[in-house]
């Protein structure tokens, strides 16, 4: 029973760490994606507010292009991370918990 308890505690600890890492990653990724999107939205609102000189349109379009490039770069990085994290070896297996408990209890009797 002690080994089973330790195994389950270890499993739950690892799950908690993984969930926290996923949560932190999601927060950071969301922030990184929102920054260029906010800049894009702001520039679009500015340009649509009133008629501009051709040079102002050109400047705004250049800014939109830069922000779009930043967004593409972030998304490419996320795709690379996802690709390599999918290649990590994981030791997943299906088991019957009741069988493990029975195996652990029987030697005690």
C-alpha atoms as a PDB file:
ATOM      1  CA  UNK A   1       0.000   0.000   0.000  1.00  0.00           C
ATOM      2  CA  UNK A   2       2.890   2.322   0.768  1.00  0.00           C
ATOM      3  CA  UNK A   3       4.382   1.893  -2.709  1.00  0.00           C
ATOM      4  CA  UNK A   4       0.991   2.458  -4.292  1.00  0.00           C
ATOM      5  CA  UNK A   5       0.503   5.620  -2.229  1.00  0.00           C
ATOM      6  CA  UNK A   6       3.948   6.874  -3.189  1.00  0.00           C
ATOM      7  CA  UNK A   7       3.350   6.074  -6.861  1.00  0.00           C
ATOM      8  CA  UNK A   8       0.009   7.886  -6.884  1.00  0.00           C
ATOM      9  CA  UNK A   9       1.446  10.874  -5.013  1.00  0.00           C
ATOM     10  CA  UNK A  10       4.298  11.051  -7.519  1.00  0.00           C
ATOM     11  CA  UNK A  11       1.815  10.843 -10.400  1.00  0.00           C
ATOM     12  CA  UNK A  12      -0.348  13.623  -8.955  1.00  0.00           C
ATOM     13  CA  UNK A  13       2.700  15.819  -8.324  1.00  0.00           C
ATOM     14  CA  UNK A  14       3.857  15.376 -11.927  1.00  0.00           C
ATOM     15  CA  UNK A  15       0.348  16.135 -13.192  1.00  0.00           C
ATOM     16  CA  UNK A  16       0.193  19.291 -11.091  1.00  0.00           C
ATOM     17  CA  UNK A  17       3.569  20.458 -12.436  1.00  0.00           C
ATOM     18  CA  UNK A  18       2.464  19.773 -16.026  1.00  0.00           C
ATOM     19  CA  UNK A  19      -0.822  21.630 -15.543  1.00  0.00           C
ATOM     20  CA  UNK A  20       1.024  24.628 -14.067  1.00  0.00           C
ATOM     21  CA  UNK A  21       3.492  24.645 -16.970  1.00  0.00           C
ATOM     22  CA  UNK A  22       0.672  24.517 -19.509  1.00  0.00           C
ATOM     23  CA  UNK A  23      -1.113  27.352 -17.725  1.00  0.00           C
ATOM     24  CA  UNK A  24       2.021  29.523 -17.659  1.00  0.00           C
ATOM     25  CA  UNK A  25       2.739  28.781 -21.307  1.00  0.00           C
ATOM     26  CA  UNK A  26      -0.827  29.672 -22.275  1.00  0.00           C
ATOM     27  CA  UNK A  27      -0.627  32.967 -20.386  1.00  0.00           C
ATOM     28  CA  UNK A  28       2.678  33.912 -22.017  1.00  0.00           C
ATOM     29  CA  UNK A  29       1.609  32.813 -25.501  1.00  0.00           C
ATOM     30  CA  UNK A  30      -1.652  34.739 -25.221  1.00  0.00           C
ATOM     31  CA  UNK A  31       0.210  37.877 -24.181  1.00  0.00           C
ATOM     32  CA  UNK A  32       2.743  37.501 -26.994  1.00  0.00           C
ATOM     33  CA  UNK A  33      -0.053  37.105 -29.550  1.00  0.00           C
ATOM     34  CA  UNK A  34      -2.165  39.950 -28.185  1.00  0.00           C
ATOM     35  CA  UNK A  35       0.605  42.566 -28.411  1.00  0.00           C
ATOM     36  CA  UNK A  36       0.943  42.621 -32.215  1.00  0.00           C
ATOM     37  CA  UNK A  37      -2.790  42.087 -32.671  1.00  0.00           C
ATOM     38  CA  UNK A  38      -3.512  45.130 -30.509  1.00  0.00           C
ATOM     39  CA  UNK A  39      -1.020  47.174 -32.527  1.00  0.00           C
ATOM     40  CA  UNK A  40      -2.683  46.018 -35.764  1.00  0.00           C
ATOM     41  CA  UNK A  41      -6.134  46.916 -34.472  1.00  0.00           C
ATOM     42  CA  UNK A  42      -4.971  50.339 -33.268  1.00  0.00           C
ATOM     43  CA  UNK A  43      -3.372  51.159 -36.618  1.00  0.00           C
ATOM     44  CA  UNK A  44      -6.470  50.027 -38.501  1.00  0.00           C
ATOM     45  CA  UNK A  45      -8.725  52.202 -36.340  1.00  0.00           C
ATOM     46  CA  UNK A  46      -6.398  55.157 -36.849  1.00  0.00           C
ATOM     47  CA  UNK A  47      -6.284  54.797 -40.623  1.00  0.00           C
ATOM     48  CA  UNK A  48     -10.052  54.373 -40.931  1.00  0.00           C
ATOM     49  CA  UNK A  49     -10.900  57.331 -38.704  1.00  0.00           C
ATOM     50  CA  UNK A  50     -10.562  59.903 -41.483  1.00  0.00           C
ATOM     51  CA  UNK A  51      -9.042  60.498 -44.895  1.00  0.00           C
ATOM     52  CA  UNK A  52      -5.245  60.559 -44.904  1.00  0.00           C
ATOM     53  CA  UNK A  53      -2.480  61.640 -47.201  1.00  0.00           C
ATOM     54  CA  UNK A  54      -0.977  58.856 -49.327  1.00  0.00           C
ATOM     55  CA  UNK A  55       2.233  59.011 -47.263  1.00  0.00           C
ATOM     56  CA  UNK A  56       0.260  58.423 -44.032  1.00  0.00           C
ATOM     57  CA  UNK A  57      -1.446  55.410 -45.593  1.00  0.00           C
ATOM     58  CA  UNK A  58       1.938  54.082 -46.648  1.00  0.00           C
ATOM     59  CA  UNK A  59       3.379  54.519 -43.121  1.00  0.00           C
ATOM     60  CA  UNK A  60       0.413  52.780 -41.554  1.00  0.00           C
ATOM     61  CA  UNK A  61       0.599  49.912 -44.030  1.00  0.00           C
ATOM     62  CA  UNK A  62       4.304  49.518 -43.246  1.00  0.00           C
ATOM     63  CA  UNK A  63       3.473  49.374 -39.534  1.00  0.00           C
ATOM     64  CA  UNK A  64       0.781  46.768 -40.207  1.00  0.00           C
ATOM     65  CA  UNK A  65       3.302  44.752 -42.220  1.00  0.00           C
ATOM     66  CA  UNK A  66       5.845  44.834 -39.368  1.00  0.00           C
ATOM     67  CA  UNK A  67       3.245  43.746 -36.807  1.00  0.00           C
ATOM     68  CA  UNK A  68       2.024  40.975 -39.100  1.00  0.00           C
ATOM     69  CA  UNK A  69       5.613  39.729 -39.436  1.00  0.00           C
ATOM     70  CA  UNK A  70       5.935  39.688 -35.635  1.00  0.00           C
ATOM     71  CA  UNK A  71       2.732  37.690 -35.353  1.00  0.00           C
ATOM     72  CA  UNK A  72       3.900  35.205 -37.984  1.00  0.00           C
ATOM     73  CA  UNK A  73       7.220  34.820 -36.157  1.00  0.00           C
ATOM     74  CA  UNK A  74       5.475  34.106 -32.851  1.00  0.00           C
ATOM     75  CA  UNK A  75       3.176  31.554 -34.444  1.00  0.00           C
ATOM     76  CA  UNK A  76       6.111  29.833 -36.185  1.00  0.00           C
ATOM     77  CA  UNK A  77       7.895  29.615 -32.838  1.00  0.00           C
ATOM     78  CA  UNK A  78       4.812  28.096 -31.244  1.00  0.00           C
ATOM     79  CA  UNK A  79       4.610  25.539 -34.045  1.00  0.00           C
ATOM     80  CA  UNK A  80       8.262  24.590 -33.553  1.00  0.00           C
ATOM     81  CA  UNK A  81       7.715  24.216 -29.806  1.00  0.00           C
ATOM     82  CA  UNK A  82       4.629  22.088 -30.411  1.00  0.00           C
ATOM     83  CA  UNK A  83       6.509  19.916 -32.901  1.00  0.00           C
ATOM     84  CA  UNK A  84       9.413  19.227 -30.545  1.00  0.00           C
ATOM     85  CA  UNK A  85       7.257  18.771 -27.468  1.00  0.00           C
ATOM     86  CA  UNK A  86       5.293  16.153 -29.400  1.00  0.00           C
ATOM     87  CA  UNK A  87       8.505  14.203 -30.001  1.00  0.00           C
ATOM     88  CA  UNK A  88       9.311  13.735 -26.349  1.00  0.00           C
ATOM     89  CA  UNK A  89       9.173  10.162 -25.245  1.00  0.00           C
ATOM     90  CA  UNK A  90       6.445   9.538 -22.797  1.00  0.00           C
ATOM     91  CA  UNK A  91       5.883   6.485 -20.714  1.00  0.00           C
ATOM     92  CA  UNK A  92       2.170   6.127 -21.018  1.00  0.00           C
ATOM     93  CA  UNK A  93       0.516   2.832 -20.352  1.00  0.00           C
ATOM     94  CA  UNK A  94      -2.907   1.595 -19.562  1.00  0.00           C
ATOM     95  CA  UNK A  95      -3.302  -0.348 -16.361  1.00  0.00           C
ATOM     96  CA  UNK A  96      -6.052  -1.536 -14.092  1.00  0.00           C
ATOM     97  CA  UNK A  97      -5.867   0.337 -10.812  1.00  0.00           C
ATOM     98  CA  UNK A  98      -7.890  -2.353  -9.042  1.00  0.00           C
ATOM     99  CA  UNK A  99      -5.322  -4.962 -10.118  1.00  0.00           C
ATOM    100  CA  UNK A 100      -2.451  -2.834  -8.810  1.00  0.00           C
ATOM    101  CA  UNK A 101      -4.235  -2.387  -5.482  1.00  0.00           C
ATOM    102  CA  UNK A 102      -4.970  -6.108  -5.234  1.00  0.00           C
ATOM    103  CA  UNK A 103      -1.349  -6.939  -6.037  1.00  0.00           C
ATOM    104  CA  UNK A 104      -0.185  -4.556  -3.320  1.00  0.00           C
ATOM    105  CA  UNK A 105      -2.658  -5.791  -0.692  1.00  0.00           C
ATOM    106  CA  UNK A 106      -2.190  -9.552  -1.216  1.00  0.00           C
ATOM    107  CA  UNK A 107       1.465  -9.688  -0.047  1.00  0.00           C
ATOM    108  CA  UNK A 108       0.433  -7.985   3.206  1.00  0.00           C
ATOM    109  CA  UNK A 109      -1.824 -10.913   4.192  1.00  0.00           C
END
